[in-house]
PDB file of all heavy atoms in Angstrom:
ATOM      1  N   LEU A   1       6.999   0.197  -6.106  1.00  0.00           N
ATOM      2  CA  LEU A   1       7.023  -0.165  -7.525  1.00  0.00           C
ATOM      3  C   LEU A   1       6.046  -1.299  -7.823  1.00  0.00           C
ATOM      4  O   LEU A   1       5.377  -1.293  -8.864  1.00  0.00           O
ATOM      5  CB  LEU A   1       8.444  -0.546  -7.944  1.00  0.00           C
ATOM      6  CG  LEU A   1       9.449   0.607  -7.979  1.00  0.00           C
ATOM      7  CD1 LEU A   1      10.867   0.075  -8.122  1.00  0.00           C
ATOM      8  CD2 LEU A   1       9.114   1.579  -9.096  1.00  0.00           C
ATOM      9  N   ASN A   2       5.939  -2.273  -6.923  1.00  0.00           N
ATOM     10  CA  ASN A   2       4.984  -3.366  -7.125  1.00  0.00           C
ATOM     11  C   ASN A   2       3.547  -2.855  -7.106  1.00  0.00           C
ATOM     12  O   ASN A   2       2.683  -3.399  -7.793  1.00  0.00           O
ATOM     13  CB  ASN A   2       5.187  -4.466  -6.082  1.00  0.00           C
ATOM     14  CG  ASN A   2       6.329  -5.389  -6.449  1.00  0.00           C
ATOM     15  OD1 ASN A   2       6.618  -5.592  -7.625  1.00  0.00           O
ATOM     16  ND2 ASN A   2       6.979  -5.941  -5.448  1.00  0.00           N
ATOM     17  N   ARG A   3       3.298  -1.823  -6.335  1.00  0.00           N
ATOM     18  CA  ARG A   3       1.959  -1.224  -6.319  1.00  0.00           C
ATOM     19  C   ARG A   3       1.640  -0.626  -7.685  1.00  0.00           C
ATOM     20  O   ARG A   3       0.518  -0.754  -8.182  1.00  0.00           O
ATOM     21  CB  ARG A   3       1.879  -0.151  -5.219  1.00  0.00           C
ATOM     22  CG  ARG A   3       0.548   0.500  -5.106  1.00  0.00           C
ATOM     23  CD  ARG A   3      -0.489  -0.436  -4.489  1.00  0.00           C
ATOM     24  NE  ARG A   3      -1.741   0.279  -4.350  1.00  0.00           N
ATOM     25  CZ  ARG A   3      -2.893  -0.163  -4.787  1.00  0.00           C
ATOM     26  NH1 ARG A   3      -2.987  -1.355  -5.328  1.00  0.00           N
ATOM     27  NH2 ARG A   3      -3.975   0.563  -4.657  1.00  0.00           N
ATOM     28  N   VAL A   4       2.613   0.011  -8.309  1.00  0.00           N
ATOM     29  CA  VAL A   4       2.415   0.549  -9.657  1.00  0.00           C
ATOM     30  C   VAL A   4       2.152  -0.603 -10.630  1.00  0.00           C
ATOM     31  O   VAL A   4       1.280  -0.502 -11.501  1.00  0.00           O
ATOM     32  CB  VAL A   4       3.629   1.395 -10.107  1.00  0.00           C
ATOM     33  CG1 VAL A   4       3.494   1.817 -11.558  1.00  0.00           C
ATOM     34  CG2 VAL A   4       3.804   2.606  -9.205  1.00  0.00           C
ATOM     35  N   VAL A   5       2.880  -1.701 -10.487  1.00  0.00           N
ATOM     36  CA  VAL A   5       2.655  -2.880 -11.333  1.00  0.00           C
ATOM     37  C   VAL A   5       1.208  -3.358 -11.181  1.00  0.00           C
ATOM     38  O   VAL A   5       0.518  -3.634 -12.174  1.00  0.00           O
ATOM     39  CB  VAL A   5       3.656  -4.005 -10.988  1.00  0.00           C
ATOM     40  CG1 VAL A   5       3.268  -5.317 -11.658  1.00  0.00           C
ATOM     41  CG2 VAL A   5       5.072  -3.606 -11.391  1.00  0.00           C
ATOM     42  N   GLU A   6       0.737  -3.452  -9.950  1.00  0.00           N
ATOM     43  CA  GLU A   6      -0.642  -3.900  -9.683  1.00  0.00           C
ATOM     44  C   GLU A   6      -1.662  -2.953 -10.311  1.00  0.00           C
ATOM     45  O   GLU A   6      -2.636  -3.390 -10.929  1.00  0.00           O
ATOM     46  CB  GLU A   6      -0.888  -3.989  -8.184  1.00  0.00           C
ATOM     47  CG  GLU A   6      -0.141  -5.095  -7.488  1.00  0.00           C
ATOM     48  CD  GLU A   6      -0.232  -4.971  -5.964  1.00  0.00           C
ATOM     49  OE1 GLU A   6      -1.092  -4.215  -5.456  1.00  0.00           O
ATOM     50  OE2 GLU A   6       0.583  -5.634  -5.294  1.00  0.00           O
ATOM     51  N   LEU A   7      -1.460  -1.654 -10.145  1.00  0.00           N
ATOM     52  CA  LEU A   7      -2.405  -0.676 -10.681  1.00  0.00           C
ATOM     53  C   LEU A   7      -2.458  -0.713 -12.202  1.00  0.00           C
ATOM     54  O   LEU A   7      -3.535  -0.647 -12.790  1.00  0.00           O
ATOM     55  CB  LEU A   7      -2.046   0.731 -10.197  1.00  0.00           C
ATOM     56  CG  LEU A   7      -2.263   1.006  -8.711  1.00  0.00           C
ATOM     57  CD1 LEU A   7      -1.654   2.345  -8.325  1.00  0.00           C
ATOM     58  CD2 LEU A   7      -3.743   0.962  -8.372  1.00  0.00           C
ATOM     59  N   THR A   8      -1.309  -0.813 -12.844  1.00  0.00           N
ATOM     60  CA  THR A   8      -1.291  -0.831 -14.308  1.00  0.00           C
ATOM     61  C   THR A   8      -1.859  -2.137 -14.845  1.00  0.00           C
ATOM     62  O   THR A   8      -2.479  -2.150 -15.910  1.00  0.00           O
ATOM     63  CB  THR A   8       0.130  -0.594 -14.860  1.00  0.00           C
ATOM     64  OG1 THR A   8       1.022  -1.560 -14.303  1.00  0.00           O
ATOM     65  CG2 THR A   8       0.613   0.813 -14.543  1.00  0.00           C
ATOM     66  N   ALA A   9      -1.690  -3.240 -14.128  1.00  0.00           N
ATOM     67  CA  ALA A   9      -2.280  -4.515 -14.552  1.00  0.00           C
ATOM     68  C   ALA A   9      -3.797  -4.457 -14.434  1.00  0.00           C
ATOM     69  O   ALA A   9      -4.523  -4.892 -15.338  1.00  0.00           O
ATOM     70  CB  ALA A   9      -1.721  -5.662 -13.723  1.00  0.00           C
ATOM     71  N   ARG A  10      -4.271  -3.906 -13.347  1.00  0.00           N
ATOM     72  CA  ARG A  10      -5.707  -3.821 -13.097  1.00  0.00           C
ATOM     73  C   ARG A  10      -6.394  -2.905 -14.112  1.00  0.00           C
ATOM     74  O   ARG A  10      -7.503  -3.178 -14.562  1.00  0.00           O
ATOM     75  CB  ARG A  10      -5.962  -3.324 -11.685  1.00  0.00           C
ATOM     76  CG  ARG A  10      -7.442  -3.374 -11.306  1.00  0.00           C
ATOM     77  CD  ARG A  10      -7.698  -2.962  -9.893  1.00  0.00           C
ATOM     78  NE  ARG A  10      -7.344  -1.557  -9.736  1.00  0.00           N
ATOM     79  CZ  ARG A  10      -6.831  -1.027  -8.632  1.00  0.00           C
ATOM     80  NH1 ARG A  10      -6.608  -1.767  -7.581  1.00  0.00           N
ATOM     81  NH2 ARG A  10      -6.539   0.248  -8.572  1.00  0.00           N
ATOM     82  N   ASP A  11      -5.709  -1.826 -14.486  1.00  0.00           N
ATOM     83  CA  ASP A  11      -6.285  -0.868 -15.429  1.00  0.00           C
ATOM     84  C   ASP A  11      -6.145  -1.304 -16.882  1.00  0.00           C
ATOM     85  O   ASP A  11      -6.632  -0.615 -17.773  1.00  0.00           O
ATOM     86  CB  ASP A  11      -5.631   0.509 -15.256  1.00  0.00           C
ATOM     87  CG  ASP A  11      -5.944   1.135 -13.908  1.00  0.00           C
ATOM     88  OD1 ASP A  11      -6.873   0.652 -13.223  1.00  0.00           O
ATOM     89  OD2 ASP A  11      -5.241   2.093 -13.538  1.00  0.00           O
ATOM     90  N   GLY A  12      -5.443  -2.413 -17.121  1.00  0.00           N
ATOM     91  CA  GLY A  12      -5.284  -2.921 -18.473  1.00  0.00           C
ATOM     92  C   GLY A  12      -4.384  -2.083 -19.352  1.00  0.00           C
ATOM     93  O   GLY A  12      -4.523  -2.077 -20.563  1.00  0.00           O
ATOM     94  N   ARG A  13      -3.464  -1.358 -18.753  1.00  0.00           N
ATOM     95  CA  ARG A  13      -2.531  -0.525 -19.520  1.00  0.00           C
ATOM     96  C   ARG A  13      -1.280  -1.335 -19.805  1.00  0.00           C
ATOM     97  O   ARG A  13      -0.328  -1.321 -19.024  1.00  0.00           O
ATOM     98  CB  ARG A  13      -2.211   0.757 -18.760  1.00  0.00           C
ATOM     99  CG  ARG A  13      -3.446   1.646 -18.585  1.00  0.00           C
ATOM    100  CD  ARG A  13      -3.122   2.941 -17.927  1.00  0.00           C
ATOM    101  NE  ARG A  13      -2.872   2.712 -16.500  1.00  0.00           N
ATOM    102  CZ  ARG A  13      -2.301   3.579 -15.700  1.00  0.00           C
ATOM    103  NH1 ARG A  13      -1.888   4.730 -16.159  1.00  0.00           N
ATOM    104  NH2 ARG A  13      -2.126   3.295 -14.432  1.00  0.00           N
ATOM    105  N   GLY A  14      -1.277  -2.050 -20.914  1.00  0.00           N
ATOM    106  CA  GLY A  14      -0.226  -3.006 -21.248  1.00  0.00           C
ATOM    107  C   GLY A  14       1.176  -2.423 -21.279  1.00  0.00           C
ATOM    108  O   GLY A  14       2.100  -2.973 -20.683  1.00  0.00           O
ATOM    109  N   VAL A  15       1.353  -1.304 -21.979  1.00  0.00           N
ATOM    110  CA  VAL A  15       2.684  -0.710 -22.094  1.00  0.00           C
ATOM    111  C   VAL A  15       3.139  -0.185 -20.735  1.00  0.00           C
ATOM    112  O   VAL A  15       4.275  -0.439 -20.307  1.00  0.00           O
ATOM    113  CB  VAL A  15       2.702   0.407 -23.161  1.00  0.00           C
ATOM    114  CG1 VAL A  15       4.025   1.155 -23.143  1.00  0.00           C
ATOM    115  CG2 VAL A  15       2.447  -0.176 -24.545  1.00  0.00           C
ATOM    116  N   ALA A  16       2.270   0.521 -20.041  1.00  0.00           N
ATOM    117  CA  ALA A  16       2.627   1.046 -18.722  1.00  0.00           C
ATOM    118  C   ALA A  16       2.927  -0.096 -17.750  1.00  0.00           C
ATOM    119  O   ALA A  16       3.853   0.004 -16.934  1.00  0.00           O
ATOM    120  CB  ALA A  16       1.503   1.924 -18.180  1.00  0.00           C
ATOM    121  N   HIS A  17       2.171  -1.170 -17.850  1.00  0.00           N
ATOM    122  CA  HIS A  17       2.403  -2.335 -16.982  1.00  0.00           C
ATOM    123  C   HIS A  17       3.778  -2.950 -17.262  1.00  0.00           C
ATOM    124  O   HIS A  17       4.531  -3.266 -16.332  1.00  0.00           O
ATOM    125  CB  HIS A  17       1.291  -3.364 -17.185  1.00  0.00           C
ATOM    126  CG  HIS A  17       1.467  -4.603 -16.377  1.00  0.00           C
ATOM    127  ND1 HIS A  17       1.362  -4.615 -14.994  1.00  0.00           N
ATOM    128  CD2 HIS A  17       1.767  -5.865 -16.740  1.00  0.00           C
ATOM    129  CE1 HIS A  17       1.579  -5.838 -14.554  1.00  0.00           C
ATOM    130  NE2 HIS A  17       1.828  -6.616 -15.592  1.00  0.00           N
ATOM    131  N   ALA A  18       4.106  -3.115 -18.540  1.00  0.00           N
ATOM    132  CA  ALA A  18       5.403  -3.688 -18.908  1.00  0.00           C
ATOM    133  C   ALA A  18       6.550  -2.805 -18.423  1.00  0.00           C
ATOM    134  O   ALA A  18       7.551  -3.308 -17.895  1.00  0.00           O
ATOM    135  CB  ALA A  18       5.480  -3.890 -20.419  1.00  0.00           C
ATOM    136  N   LEU A  19       6.409  -1.498 -18.573  1.00  0.00           N
ATOM    137  CA  LEU A  19       7.464  -0.593 -18.111  1.00  0.00           C
ATOM    138  C   LEU A  19       7.564  -0.593 -16.588  1.00  0.00           C
ATOM    139  O   LEU A  19       8.654  -0.458 -16.037  1.00  0.00           O
ATOM    140  CB  LEU A  19       7.241   0.820 -18.644  1.00  0.00           C
ATOM    141  CG  LEU A  19       7.424   0.972 -20.156  1.00  0.00           C
ATOM    142  CD1 LEU A  19       7.077   2.381 -20.602  1.00  0.00           C
ATOM    143  CD2 LEU A  19       8.827   0.588 -20.579  1.00  0.00           C
ATOM    144  N   ALA A  20       6.434  -0.770 -15.917  1.00  0.00           N
ATOM    145  CA  ALA A  20       6.469  -0.873 -14.455  1.00  0.00           C
ATOM    146  C   ALA A  20       7.241  -2.125 -14.035  1.00  0.00           C
ATOM    147  O   ALA A  20       8.027  -2.083 -13.078  1.00  0.00           O
ATOM    148  CB  ALA A  20       5.047  -0.895 -13.893  1.00  0.00           C
ATOM    149  N   LEU A  21       7.043  -3.222 -14.752  1.00  0.00           N
ATOM    150  CA  LEU A  21       7.816  -4.444 -14.464  1.00  0.00           C
ATOM    151  C   LEU A  21       9.309  -4.214 -14.706  1.00  0.00           C
ATOM    152  O   LEU A  21      10.149  -4.689 -13.935  1.00  0.00           O
ATOM    153  CB  LEU A  21       7.318  -5.606 -15.331  1.00  0.00           C
ATOM    154  CG  LEU A  21       5.978  -6.201 -14.939  1.00  0.00           C
ATOM    155  CD1 LEU A  21       5.445  -7.119 -16.048  1.00  0.00           C
ATOM    156  CD2 LEU A  21       6.109  -6.980 -13.628  1.00  0.00           C
ATOM    157  N   ALA A  22       9.640  -3.487 -15.766  1.00  0.00           N
ATOM    158  CA  ALA A  22      11.050  -3.178 -16.046  1.00  0.00           C
ATOM    159  C   ALA A  22      11.640  -2.322 -14.932  1.00  0.00           C
ATOM    160  O   ALA A  22      12.801  -2.510 -14.545  1.00  0.00           O
ATOM    161  CB  ALA A  22      11.188  -2.471 -17.394  1.00  0.00           C
ATOM    162  N   ASN A  23      10.851  -1.404 -14.387  1.00  0.00           N
ATOM    163  CA  ASN A  23      11.337  -0.573 -13.284  1.00  0.00           C
ATOM    164  C   ASN A  23      11.593  -1.405 -12.035  1.00  0.00           C
ATOM    165  O   ASN A  23      12.555  -1.160 -11.305  1.00  0.00           O
ATOM    166  CB  ASN A  23      10.356   0.561 -12.997  1.00  0.00           C
ATOM    167  CG  ASN A  23      10.372   1.625 -14.067  1.00  0.00           C
ATOM    168  OD1 ASN A  23      11.372   1.812 -14.752  1.00  0.00           O
ATOM    169  ND2 ASN A  23       9.274   2.326 -14.228  1.00  0.00           N
ATOM    170  N   VAL A  24      10.739  -2.397 -11.775  1.00  0.00           N
ATOM    171  CA  VAL A  24      10.982  -3.306 -10.649  1.00  0.00           C
ATOM    172  C   VAL A  24      12.289  -4.067 -10.887  1.00  0.00           C
ATOM    173  O   VAL A  24      13.114  -4.205  -9.977  1.00  0.00           O
ATOM    174  CB  VAL A  24       9.801  -4.288 -10.440  1.00  0.00           C
ATOM    175  CG1 VAL A  24      10.160  -5.366  -9.423  1.00  0.00           C
ATOM    176  CG2 VAL A  24       8.562  -3.540  -9.998  1.00  0.00           C
ATOM    177  N   ALA A  25      12.499  -4.535 -12.113  1.00  0.00           N
ATOM    178  CA  ALA A  25      13.741  -5.252 -12.437  1.00  0.00           C
ATOM    179  C   ALA A  25      14.955  -4.343 -12.255  1.00  0.00           C
ATOM    180  O   ALA A  25      15.984  -4.771 -11.723  1.00  0.00           O
ATOM    181  CB  ALA A  25      13.679  -5.790 -13.865  1.00  0.00           C
ATOM    182  N   ASP A  26      14.846  -3.083 -12.685  1.00  0.00           N
ATOM    183  CA  ASP A  26      15.941  -2.125 -12.489  1.00  0.00           C
ATOM    184  C   ASP A  26      16.237  -1.972 -10.995  1.00  0.00           C
ATOM    185  O   ASP A  26      17.400  -1.971 -10.578  1.00  0.00           O
ATOM    186  CB  ASP A  26      15.584  -0.755 -13.067  1.00  0.00           C
ATOM    187  CG  ASP A  26      15.595  -0.711 -14.581  1.00  0.00           C
ATOM    188  OD1 ASP A  26      16.085  -1.659 -15.215  1.00  0.00           O
ATOM    189  OD2 ASP A  26      15.089   0.296 -15.128  1.00  0.00           O
ATOM    190  N   TRP A  27      15.200  -1.827 -10.199  1.00  0.00           N
ATOM    191  CA  TRP A  27      15.352  -1.675  -8.748  1.00  0.00           C
ATOM    192  C   TRP A  27      16.084  -2.884  -8.167  1.00  0.00           C
ATOM    193  O   TRP A  27      16.975  -2.745  -7.331  1.00  0.00           O
ATOM    194  CB  TRP A  27      13.977  -1.500  -8.114  1.00  0.00           C
ATOM    195  CG  TRP A  27      13.996  -1.125  -6.672  1.00  0.00           C
ATOM    196  CD1 TRP A  27      13.742  -1.937  -5.604  1.00  0.00           C
ATOM    197  CD2 TRP A  27      14.290   0.162  -6.125  1.00  0.00           C
ATOM    198  NE1 TRP A  27      13.858  -1.233  -4.428  1.00  0.00           N
ATOM    199  CE2 TRP A  27      14.190   0.060  -4.725  1.00  0.00           C
ATOM    200  CE3 TRP A  27      14.612   1.385  -6.686  1.00  0.00           C
ATOM    201  CZ2 TRP A  27      14.402   1.135  -3.881  1.00  0.00           C
ATOM    202  CZ3 TRP A  27      14.832   2.458  -5.849  1.00  0.00           C
ATOM    203  CH2 TRP A  27      14.728   2.332  -4.464  1.00  0.00           C
ATOM    204  N   GLU A  28      15.702  -4.066  -8.628  1.00  0.00           N
ATOM    205  CA  GLU A  28      16.350  -5.284  -8.133  1.00  0.00           C
ATOM    206  C   GLU A  28      17.835  -5.312  -8.509  1.00  0.00           C
ATOM    207  O   GLU A  28      18.679  -5.707  -7.707  1.00  0.00           O
ATOM    208  CB  GLU A  28      15.616  -6.512  -8.672  1.00  0.00           C
ATOM    209  CG  GLU A  28      14.231  -6.652  -8.080  1.00  0.00           C
ATOM    210  CD  GLU A  28      13.333  -7.615  -8.815  1.00  0.00           C
ATOM    211  OE1 GLU A  28      13.563  -7.882 -10.017  1.00  0.00           O
ATOM    212  OE2 GLU A  28      12.389  -8.110  -8.190  1.00  0.00           O
ATOM    213  N   LEU A  29      18.148  -4.869  -9.725  1.00  0.00           N
ATOM    214  CA  LEU A  29      19.564  -4.831 -10.132  1.00  0.00           C
ATOM    215  C   LEU A  29      20.345  -3.808  -9.328  1.00  0.00           C
ATOM    216  O   LEU A  29      21.482  -4.057  -8.933  1.00  0.00           O
ATOM    217  CB  LEU A  29      19.696  -4.498 -11.618  1.00  0.00           C
ATOM    218  CG  LEU A  29      19.640  -5.644 -12.596  1.00  0.00           C
ATOM    219  CD1 LEU A  29      19.980  -5.152 -13.995  1.00  0.00           C
ATOM    220  CD2 LEU A  29      20.528  -6.788 -12.202  1.00  0.00           C
ATOM    221  N   ILE A  30      19.742  -2.654  -9.086  1.00  0.00           N
ATOM    222  CA  ILE A  30      20.425  -1.617  -8.314  1.00  0.00           C
ATOM    223  C   ILE A  30      20.809  -2.158  -6.937  1.00  0.00           C
ATOM    224  O   ILE A  30      21.869  -1.849  -6.414  1.00  0.00           O
ATOM    225  CB  ILE A  30      19.545  -0.354  -8.193  1.00  0.00           C
ATOM    226  CG1 ILE A  30      19.466   0.359  -9.538  1.00  0.00           C
ATOM    227  CG2 ILE A  30      20.071   0.593  -7.122  1.00  0.00           C
ATOM    228  CD1 ILE A  30      18.418   1.454  -9.611  1.00  0.00           C
ATOM    229  N   PHE A  31      19.947  -2.985  -6.370  1.00  0.00           N
ATOM    230  CA  PHE A  31      20.203  -3.568  -5.054  1.00  0.00           C
ATOM    231  C   PHE A  31      20.812  -4.974  -5.149  1.00  0.00           C
ATOM    232  O   PHE A  31      20.735  -5.751  -4.202  1.00  0.00           O
ATOM    233  CB  PHE A  31      18.922  -3.581  -4.214  1.00  0.00           C
ATOM    234  CG  PHE A  31      18.589  -2.234  -3.635  1.00  0.00           C
ATOM    235  CD1 PHE A  31      17.790  -1.349  -4.332  1.00  0.00           C
ATOM    236  CD2 PHE A  31      19.108  -1.843  -2.412  1.00  0.00           C
ATOM    237  CE1 PHE A  31      17.493  -0.098  -3.811  1.00  0.00           C
ATOM    238  CE2 PHE A  31      18.818  -0.594  -1.884  1.00  0.00           C
ATOM    239  CZ  PHE A  31      18.011   0.284  -2.591  1.00  0.00           C
ATOM    240  N   ASP A  32      21.422  -5.277  -6.293  1.00  0.00           N
ATOM    241  CA  ASP A  32      22.197  -6.503  -6.496  1.00  0.00           C
ATOM    242  C   ASP A  32      21.376  -7.779  -6.250  1.00  0.00           C
ATOM    243  O   ASP A  32      21.808  -8.686  -5.541  1.00  0.00           O
ATOM    244  CB  ASP A  32      23.449  -6.485  -5.607  1.00  0.00           C
ATOM    245  CG  ASP A  32      24.551  -7.360  -6.189  1.00  0.00           C
ATOM    246  OD1 ASP A  32      24.539  -7.593  -7.416  1.00  0.00           O
ATOM    247  OD2 ASP A  32      25.413  -7.810  -5.418  1.00  0.00           O
ATOM    248  N   ARG A  33      20.221  -7.844  -6.869  1.00  0.00           N
ATOM    249  CA  ARG A  33      19.378  -9.038  -6.840  1.00  0.00           C
ATOM    250  C   ARG A  33      19.074  -9.454  -8.281  1.00  0.00           C
ATOM    251  O   ARG A  33      17.930  -9.364  -8.754  1.00  0.00           O
ATOM    252  CB  ARG A  33      18.096  -8.759  -6.059  1.00  0.00           C
ATOM    253  CG  ARG A  33      18.392  -8.644  -4.564  1.00  0.00           C
ATOM    254  CD  ARG A  33      17.247  -8.060  -3.807  1.00  0.00           C
ATOM    255  NE  ARG A  33      17.401  -8.176  -2.369  1.00  0.00           N
ATOM    256  CZ  ARG A  33      18.190  -7.435  -1.624  1.00  0.00           C
ATOM    257  NH1 ARG A  33      18.962  -6.532  -2.183  1.00  0.00           N
ATOM    258  NH2 ARG A  33      18.241  -7.583  -0.314  1.00  0.00           N
ATOM    259  N   PRO A  34      20.108  -9.913  -9.002  1.00  0.00           N
ATOM    260  CA  PRO A  34      19.947 -10.178 -10.436  1.00  0.00           C
ATOM    261  C   PRO A  34      19.009 -11.340 -10.768  1.00  0.00           C
ATOM    262  O   PRO A  34      18.362 -11.314 -11.809  1.00  0.00           O
ATOM    263  CB  PRO A  34      21.369 -10.471 -10.915  1.00  0.00           C
ATOM    264  CG  PRO A  34      22.117 -10.884  -9.703  1.00  0.00           C
ATOM    265  CD  PRO A  34      21.478 -10.157  -8.550  1.00  0.00           C
ATOM    266  N   GLN A  35      18.923 -12.350  -9.927  1.00  0.00           N
ATOM    267  CA  GLN A  35      18.070 -13.486 -10.256  1.00  0.00           C
ATOM    268  C   GLN A  35      16.606 -13.066 -10.391  1.00  0.00           C
ATOM    269  O   GLN A  35      15.919 -13.488 -11.307  1.00  0.00           O
ATOM    270  CB  GLN A  35      18.191 -14.617  -9.218  1.00  0.00           C
ATOM    271  CG  GLN A  35      19.463 -15.405  -9.331  1.00  0.00           C
ATOM    272  CD  GLN A  35      20.645 -14.717  -8.667  1.00  0.00           C
ATOM    273  OE1 GLN A  35      20.494 -13.750  -7.936  1.00  0.00           O
ATOM    274  NE2 GLN A  35      21.838 -15.209  -8.928  1.00  0.00           N
ATOM    275  N   SER A  36      16.117 -12.251  -9.465  1.00  0.00           N
ATOM    276  CA  SER A  36      14.720 -11.832  -9.534  1.00  0.00           C
ATOM    277  C   SER A  36      14.496 -10.817 -10.657  1.00  0.00           C
ATOM    278  O   SER A  36      13.395 -10.728 -11.203  1.00  0.00           O
ATOM    279  CB  SER A  36      14.241 -11.288  -8.197  1.00  0.00           C
ATOM    280  OG  SER A  36      15.101 -10.296  -7.714  1.00  0.00           O
ATOM    281  N   SER A  37      15.524 -10.061 -11.030  1.00  0.00           N
ATOM    282  CA  SER A  37      15.348  -9.074 -12.092  1.00  0.00           C
ATOM    283  C   SER A  37      15.182  -9.739 -13.456  1.00  0.00           C
ATOM    284  O   SER A  37      14.445  -9.230 -14.304  1.00  0.00           O
ATOM    285  CB  SER A  37      16.513  -8.093 -12.127  1.00  0.00           C
ATOM    286  OG  SER A  37      17.692  -8.726 -12.550  1.00  0.00           O
ATOM    287  N   VAL A  38      15.816 -10.888 -13.669  1.00  0.00           N
ATOM    288  CA  VAL A  38      15.750 -11.558 -14.970  1.00  0.00           C
ATOM    289  C   VAL A  38      14.301 -11.853 -15.349  1.00  0.00           C
ATOM    290  O   VAL A  38      13.865 -11.569 -16.466  1.00  0.00           O
ATOM    291  CB  VAL A  38      16.592 -12.862 -14.964  1.00  0.00           C
ATOM    292  CG1 VAL A  38      16.310 -13.706 -16.201  1.00  0.00           C
ATOM    293  CG2 VAL A  38      18.068 -12.524 -14.875  1.00  0.00           C
ATOM    294  N   GLU A  39      13.537 -12.405 -14.438  1.00  0.00           N
ATOM    295  CA  GLU A  39      12.142 -12.753 -14.747  1.00  0.00           C
ATOM    296  C   GLU A  39      11.298 -11.508 -15.001  1.00  0.00           C
ATOM    297  O   GLU A  39      10.476 -11.494 -15.917  1.00  0.00           O
ATOM    298  CB  GLU A  39      11.534 -13.585 -13.618  1.00  0.00           C
ATOM    299  CG  GLU A  39      10.130 -14.068 -13.916  1.00  0.00           C
ATOM    300  CD  GLU A  39      10.005 -14.929 -15.180  1.00  0.00           C
ATOM    301  OE1 GLU A  39      11.002 -15.523 -15.624  1.00  0.00           O
ATOM    302  OE2 GLU A  39       8.886 -14.995 -15.722  1.00  0.00           O
TER     303      GLU A  39
END
């Protein structure tokens, strides 16, 4: 998921980048890591 975040940031795709960050946050919540998901 972080690789997708990097690719979307590099390509300047703002909406896709933001959704990729949300997916990382979802992943963190699924694995019970709420502190890192908040940011």
